[in-house]
Amino acid sequence: MSKRDDKIAQYIDEAKKLGLSLSEDLITKATVGLGPSIYRKDSETVSCTQSSELETVKKNFAQKKLGVTDDAKIDAAIKKVCEAMGSSNRNKYRALFYALLAKELGKESIYA
């Protein structure tokens, strides 16, 4: 298996462990969409306690990539994703976070 396939398998296992209802296809496409950032420790995960990082997710992913403009809706969705992934979970993988956020905002079609 390639390094990317290993990461995808890791994320699928993590999603199952966390009880996230994400399809393997959505996880795979979100992972591919992130490119090489999944191989760097700092960029591979999302910190829900760091407001600057959540603001970056909001602006660069939710607004630019997903095209959602309602700030309150984005903030509520990000909060829900953080809760779904667990506050004590230190490995909130960006691929899972983005897949779950896209699903929460009804924008899974960007990965079609």
N, C-alpha and C. Protein backbone atom coordinates (compact mmCIF):
# COMPACT_ATOMS: atom_id res chain seq x y z
N MET A 1 0.84 -1.20 0.00
CA MET A 1 0.00 0.00 0.00
C MET A 1 0.88 1.26 0.00
N SER A 2 0.37 2.31 -0.60
CA SER A 2 1.08 3.58 -0.61
C SER A 2 0.89 4.29 0.73
N LYS A 3 1.69 5.33 0.94
CA LYS A 3 1.55 6.11 2.18
C LYS A 3 0.15 6.69 2.29
N ARG A 4 -0.38 7.15 1.16
CA ARG A 4 -1.73 7.72 1.18
C ARG A 4 -2.76 6.66 1.54
N ASP A 5 -2.64 5.47 0.98
CA ASP A 5 -3.56 4.38 1.31
C ASP A 5 -3.49 4.04 2.79
N ASP A 6 -2.28 4.09 3.36
CA ASP A 6 -2.11 3.84 4.79
C ASP A 6 -2.86 4.89 5.61
N LYS A 7 -2.74 6.15 5.19
CA LYS A 7 -3.43 7.24 5.90
C LYS A 7 -4.94 7.07 5.79
N ILE A 8 -5.42 6.74 4.61
CA ILE A 8 -6.86 6.55 4.41
C ILE A 8 -7.37 5.43 5.31
N ALA A 9 -6.64 4.32 5.37
CA ALA A 9 -7.02 3.20 6.23
C ALA A 9 -7.03 3.64 7.69
N GLN A 10 -6.04 4.44 8.08
CA GLN A 10 -5.97 4.95 9.46
C GLN A 10 -7.18 5.82 9.77
N TYR A 11 -7.56 6.69 8.84
CA TYR A 11 -8.69 7.59 9.06
C TYR A 11 -10.01 6.82 9.10
N ILE A 12 -10.15 5.80 8.27
CA ILE A 12 -11.37 4.99 8.27
C ILE A 12 -11.50 4.26 9.61
N ASP A 13 -10.38 3.72 10.10
CA ASP A 13 -10.39 3.05 11.41
C ASP A 13 -10.76 4.03 12.52
N GLU A 14 -10.19 5.22 12.46
CA GLU A 14 -10.47 6.25 13.48
C GLU A 14 -11.94 6.67 13.43
N ALA A 15 -12.50 6.82 12.24
CA ALA A 15 -13.91 7.19 12.11
C ALA A 15 -14.81 6.12 12.73
N LYS A 16 -14.47 4.87 12.51
CA LYS A 16 -15.25 3.77 13.09
C LYS A 16 -15.13 3.78 14.61
N LYS A 17 -13.90 4.01 15.09
CA LYS A 17 -13.65 4.05 16.53
C LYS A 17 -14.46 5.17 17.21
N LEU A 18 -14.56 6.30 16.53
CA LEU A 18 -15.29 7.45 17.07
C LEU A 18 -16.80 7.37 16.81
N GLY A 19 -17.22 6.40 16.03
CA GLY A 19 -18.64 6.25 15.71
C GLY A 19 -19.16 7.31 14.76
N LEU A 20 -18.29 7.82 13.90
CA LEU A 20 -18.69 8.84 12.93
C LEU A 20 -19.34 8.17 11.73
N SER A 21 -20.46 8.69 11.31
CA SER A 21 -21.16 8.09 10.17
C SER A 21 -20.68 8.72 8.86
N LEU A 22 -19.47 8.35 8.49
CA LEU A 22 -18.87 8.84 7.25
C LEU A 22 -18.59 7.65 6.34
N SER A 23 -18.87 7.80 5.08
CA SER A 23 -18.59 6.71 4.14
C SER A 23 -17.09 6.66 3.86
N GLU A 24 -16.61 5.47 3.52
CA GLU A 24 -15.21 5.32 3.17
C GLU A 24 -14.87 6.17 1.95
N ASP A 25 -15.82 6.29 1.03
CA ASP A 25 -15.61 7.09 -0.17
C ASP A 25 -15.41 8.57 0.17
N LEU A 26 -16.22 9.10 1.08
CA LEU A 26 -16.09 10.50 1.48
C LEU A 26 -14.76 10.73 2.19
N ILE A 27 -14.37 9.81 3.07
CA ILE A 27 -13.09 9.93 3.78
C ILE A 27 -11.94 9.90 2.77
N THR A 28 -12.01 9.00 1.82
CA THR A 28 -10.97 8.89 0.79
C THR A 28 -10.85 10.18 -0.01
N LYS A 29 -11.97 10.72 -0.44
CA LYS A 29 -11.95 11.93 -1.26
C LYS A 29 -11.50 13.15 -0.47
N ALA A 30 -11.88 13.23 0.80
CA ALA A 30 -11.43 14.34 1.65
C ALA A 30 -9.92 14.25 1.86
N THR A 31 -9.42 13.04 2.04
CA THR A 31 -7.98 12.82 2.23
C THR A 31 -7.21 13.22 0.98
N VAL A 32 -7.67 12.78 -0.17
CA VAL A 32 -7.02 13.12 -1.44
C VAL A 32 -7.05 14.63 -1.65
N GLY A 33 -8.15 15.27 -1.29
CA GLY A 33 -8.29 16.71 -1.44
C GLY A 33 -7.32 17.52 -0.60
N LEU A 34 -6.85 16.94 0.49
CA LEU A 34 -5.91 17.65 1.37
C LEU A 34 -4.47 17.58 0.87
N GLY A 35 -4.20 16.69 -0.06
CA GLY A 35 -2.85 16.60 -0.63
C GLY A 35 -1.80 16.26 0.41
N PRO A 36 -0.60 16.83 0.26
CA PRO A 36 0.53 16.47 1.13
C PRO A 36 0.41 16.93 2.58
N SER A 37 -0.58 17.76 2.89
CA SER A 37 -0.71 18.25 4.28
C SER A 37 -0.97 17.11 5.26
N ILE A 38 -1.48 15.97 4.78
CA ILE A 38 -1.77 14.85 5.69
C ILE A 38 -0.51 14.18 6.21
N TYR A 39 0.64 14.49 5.63
CA TYR A 39 1.89 13.87 6.04
C TYR A 39 2.66 14.70 7.06
N ARG A 40 2.17 15.90 7.37
CA ARG A 40 2.83 16.75 8.37
C ARG A 40 2.01 16.73 9.66
N LYS A 41 2.67 16.42 10.74
CA LYS A 41 2.00 16.24 12.04
C LYS A 41 1.09 17.42 12.39
N ASP A 42 1.59 18.63 12.25
CA ASP A 42 0.81 19.80 12.67
C ASP A 42 -0.39 20.04 11.75
N SER A 43 -0.21 19.87 10.46
CA SER A 43 -1.31 20.17 9.53
C SER A 43 -2.27 18.99 9.36
N GLU A 44 -1.89 17.82 9.87
CA GLU A 44 -2.75 16.64 9.74
C GLU A 44 -3.95 16.70 10.67
N THR A 45 -3.83 17.47 11.75
CA THR A 45 -4.91 17.52 12.74
C THR A 45 -5.47 18.94 12.88
N VAL A 46 -6.65 19.02 13.48
CA VAL A 46 -7.31 20.29 13.75
C VAL A 46 -7.44 20.41 15.27
N SER A 47 -7.09 21.58 15.79
CA SER A 47 -7.22 21.83 17.22
C SER A 47 -8.48 22.66 17.47
N CYS A 48 -9.43 22.05 18.16
CA CYS A 48 -10.69 22.75 18.44
C CYS A 48 -10.54 23.79 19.54
N THR A 49 -9.41 23.79 20.24
CA THR A 49 -9.20 24.76 21.31
C THR A 49 -8.44 25.99 20.81
N GLN A 50 -7.99 25.97 19.58
CA GLN A 50 -7.23 27.09 19.02
C GLN A 50 -8.13 27.89 18.08
N SER A 51 -8.59 29.04 18.56
CA SER A 51 -9.55 29.83 17.80
C SER A 51 -9.01 30.26 16.44
N SER A 52 -7.71 30.53 16.36
CA SER A 52 -7.14 30.94 15.07
C SER A 52 -7.21 29.82 14.05
N GLU A 53 -7.03 28.58 14.49
CA GLU A 53 -7.13 27.45 13.57
C GLU A 53 -8.57 27.24 13.11
N LEU A 54 -9.51 27.37 14.02
CA LEU A 54 -10.93 27.22 13.65
C LEU A 54 -11.36 28.33 12.69
N GLU A 55 -10.80 29.51 12.87
CA GLU A 55 -11.09 30.63 11.96
C GLU A 55 -10.54 30.32 10.56
N THR A 56 -9.37 29.70 10.51
CA THR A 56 -8.78 29.30 9.22
C THR A 56 -9.64 28.25 8.54
N VAL A 57 -10.13 27.26 9.31
CA VAL A 57 -11.02 26.23 8.76
C VAL A 57 -12.28 26.90 8.21
N LYS A 58 -12.79 27.85 8.96
CA LYS A 58 -14.01 28.56 8.57
C LYS A 58 -13.80 29.31 7.25
N LYS A 59 -12.73 30.11 7.19
CA LYS A 59 -12.49 30.95 6.01
C LYS A 59 -12.03 30.13 4.79
N ASN A 60 -11.02 29.29 4.98
CA ASN A 60 -10.41 28.60 3.84
C ASN A 60 -11.15 27.36 3.38
N PHE A 61 -11.87 26.72 4.28
CA PHE A 61 -12.59 25.52 3.86
C PHE A 61 -14.09 25.77 3.74
N ALA A 62 -14.72 26.17 4.83
CA ALA A 62 -16.18 26.32 4.81
C ALA A 62 -16.65 27.41 3.85
N GLN A 63 -15.97 28.55 3.88
CA GLN A 63 -16.40 29.66 3.03
C GLN A 63 -15.86 29.54 1.60
N LYS A 64 -14.55 29.35 1.46
CA LYS A 64 -13.96 29.33 0.11
C LYS A 64 -14.27 28.04 -0.64
N LYS A 65 -14.00 26.90 -0.02
CA LYS A 65 -14.17 25.63 -0.75
C LYS A 65 -15.63 25.18 -0.79
N LEU A 66 -16.32 25.27 0.36
CA LEU A 66 -17.71 24.81 0.39
C LEU A 66 -18.70 25.86 -0.10
N GLY A 67 -18.30 27.13 -0.04
CA GLY A 67 -19.17 28.21 -0.51
C GLY A 67 -20.27 28.59 0.45
N VAL A 68 -20.12 28.25 1.72
CA VAL A 68 -21.12 28.61 2.73
C VAL A 68 -20.79 30.01 3.25
N THR A 69 -21.77 30.89 3.29
CA THR A 69 -21.52 32.27 3.70
C THR A 69 -22.12 32.64 5.06
N ASP A 70 -22.99 31.82 5.59
CA ASP A 70 -23.66 32.09 6.86
C ASP A 70 -22.71 31.76 8.02
N ASP A 71 -22.11 32.80 8.61
CA ASP A 71 -21.14 32.61 9.69
C ASP A 71 -21.70 31.82 10.86
N ALA A 72 -22.92 32.13 11.27
CA ALA A 72 -23.53 31.44 12.41
C ALA A 72 -23.71 29.95 12.11
N LYS A 73 -24.10 29.64 10.90
CA LYS A 73 -24.28 28.24 10.49
C LYS A 73 -22.94 27.50 10.49
N ILE A 74 -21.90 28.16 9.99
CA ILE A 74 -20.56 27.56 9.96
C ILE A 74 -20.07 27.33 11.39
N ASP A 75 -20.19 28.36 12.24
CA ASP A 75 -19.73 28.24 13.62
C ASP A 75 -20.44 27.10 14.35
N ALA A 76 -21.74 26.98 14.16
CA ALA A 76 -22.51 25.91 14.80
C ALA A 76 -22.06 24.54 14.28
N ALA A 77 -21.80 24.45 12.99
CA ALA A 77 -21.36 23.18 12.39
C ALA A 77 -19.97 22.80 12.90
N ILE A 78 -19.06 23.77 12.99
CA ILE A 78 -17.71 23.50 13.50
C ILE A 78 -17.79 23.02 14.94
N LYS A 79 -18.62 23.68 15.74
CA LYS A 79 -18.78 23.28 17.14
C LYS A 79 -19.31 21.85 17.23
N LYS A 80 -20.28 21.52 16.39
CA LYS A 80 -20.87 20.19 16.39
C LYS A 80 -19.83 19.13 15.98
N VAL A 81 -19.01 19.45 14.99
CA VAL A 81 -17.96 18.53 14.55
C VAL A 81 -16.93 18.32 15.66
N CYS A 82 -16.55 19.40 16.34
CA CYS A 82 -15.60 19.28 17.46
C CYS A 82 -16.17 18.36 18.54
N GLU A 83 -17.45 18.53 18.85
CA GLU A 83 -18.09 17.68 19.86
C GLU A 83 -18.18 16.24 19.39
N ALA A 84 -18.50 16.03 18.12
CA ALA A 84 -18.62 14.67 17.58
C ALA A 84 -17.29 13.93 17.62
N MET A 85 -16.21 14.67 17.42
CA MET A 85 -14.89 14.04 17.41
C MET A 85 -14.31 13.88 18.81
N GLY A 86 -14.94 14.50 19.80
CA GLY A 86 -14.55 14.33 21.19
C GLY A 86 -13.57 15.38 21.68
N SER A 87 -13.92 16.05 22.77
CA SER A 87 -13.05 17.10 23.30
C SER A 87 -11.73 16.56 23.83
N SER A 88 -11.72 15.32 24.30
CA SER A 88 -10.48 14.74 24.82
C SER A 88 -9.64 14.08 23.73
N ASN A 89 -10.19 14.00 22.53
CA ASN A 89 -9.47 13.39 21.40
C ASN A 89 -8.44 14.38 20.87
N ARG A 90 -7.17 14.05 21.03
CA ARG A 90 -6.10 14.94 20.58
C ARG A 90 -5.80 14.77 19.09
N ASN A 91 -6.33 13.71 18.48
CA ASN A 91 -6.07 13.46 17.07
C ASN A 91 -7.33 13.68 16.23
N LYS A 92 -7.72 14.93 16.13
CA LYS A 92 -8.86 15.27 15.27
C LYS A 92 -8.29 15.43 13.86
N TYR A 93 -8.25 14.32 13.15
CA TYR A 93 -7.63 14.34 11.82
C TYR A 93 -8.39 15.26 10.88
N ARG A 94 -7.63 16.10 10.19
CA ARG A 94 -8.21 17.10 9.29
C ARG A 94 -9.10 16.47 8.22
N ALA A 95 -8.71 15.32 7.68
CA ALA A 95 -9.52 14.66 6.65
C ALA A 95 -10.90 14.31 7.20
N LEU A 96 -10.94 13.78 8.42
CA LEU A 96 -12.23 13.44 9.04
C LEU A 96 -13.00 14.70 9.40
N PHE A 97 -12.28 15.69 9.92
CA PHE A 97 -12.91 16.96 10.31
C PHE A 97 -13.59 17.60 9.10
N TYR A 98 -12.86 17.68 7.98
CA TYR A 98 -13.40 18.30 6.78
C TYR A 98 -14.56 17.49 6.21
N ALA A 99 -14.42 16.17 6.20
CA ALA A 99 -15.50 15.31 5.68
C ALA A 99 -16.76 15.50 6.52
N LEU A 100 -16.59 15.51 7.84
CA LEU A 100 -17.73 15.66 8.74
C LEU A 100 -18.34 17.06 8.61
N LEU A 101 -17.50 18.07 8.47
CA LEU A 101 -17.99 19.44 8.31
C LEU A 101 -18.75 19.59 6.99
N ALA A 102 -18.22 19.02 5.93
CA ALA A 102 -18.92 19.07 4.63
C ALA A 102 -20.27 18.39 4.74
N LYS A 103 -20.31 17.26 5.43
CA LYS A 103 -21.57 16.53 5.61
C LYS A 103 -22.54 17.35 6.45
N GLU A 104 -22.04 17.93 7.52
CA GLU A 104 -22.87 18.73 8.43
C GLU A 104 -23.49 19.93 7.70
N LEU A 105 -22.74 20.50 6.77
CA LEU A 105 -23.22 21.67 6.03
C LEU A 105 -23.94 21.28 4.74
N GLY A 106 -24.11 19.98 4.52
CA GLY A 106 -24.82 19.50 3.33
C GLY A 106 -24.07 19.74 2.03
N LYS A 107 -22.75 19.72 2.11
CA LYS A 107 -21.92 20.02 0.94
C LYS A 107 -21.01 18.86 0.54
N GLU A 108 -21.42 17.62 0.83
CA GLU A 108 -20.60 16.46 0.45
C GLU A 108 -20.36 16.41 -1.05
N SER A 109 -21.22 17.06 -1.81
CA SER A 109 -21.12 17.02 -3.27
C SER A 109 -19.80 17.59 -3.80
N ILE A 110 -19.09 18.39 -3.01
CA ILE A 110 -17.80 18.91 -3.49
C ILE A 110 -16.80 17.78 -3.68
N TYR A 111 -17.03 16.67 -3.01
CA TYR A 111 -16.13 15.52 -3.13
C TYR A 111 -16.66 14.48 -4.11
N ALA A 112 -17.70 14.82 -4.85
CA ALA A 112 -18.28 13.85 -5.80
C ALA A 112 -17.40 13.66 -7.01
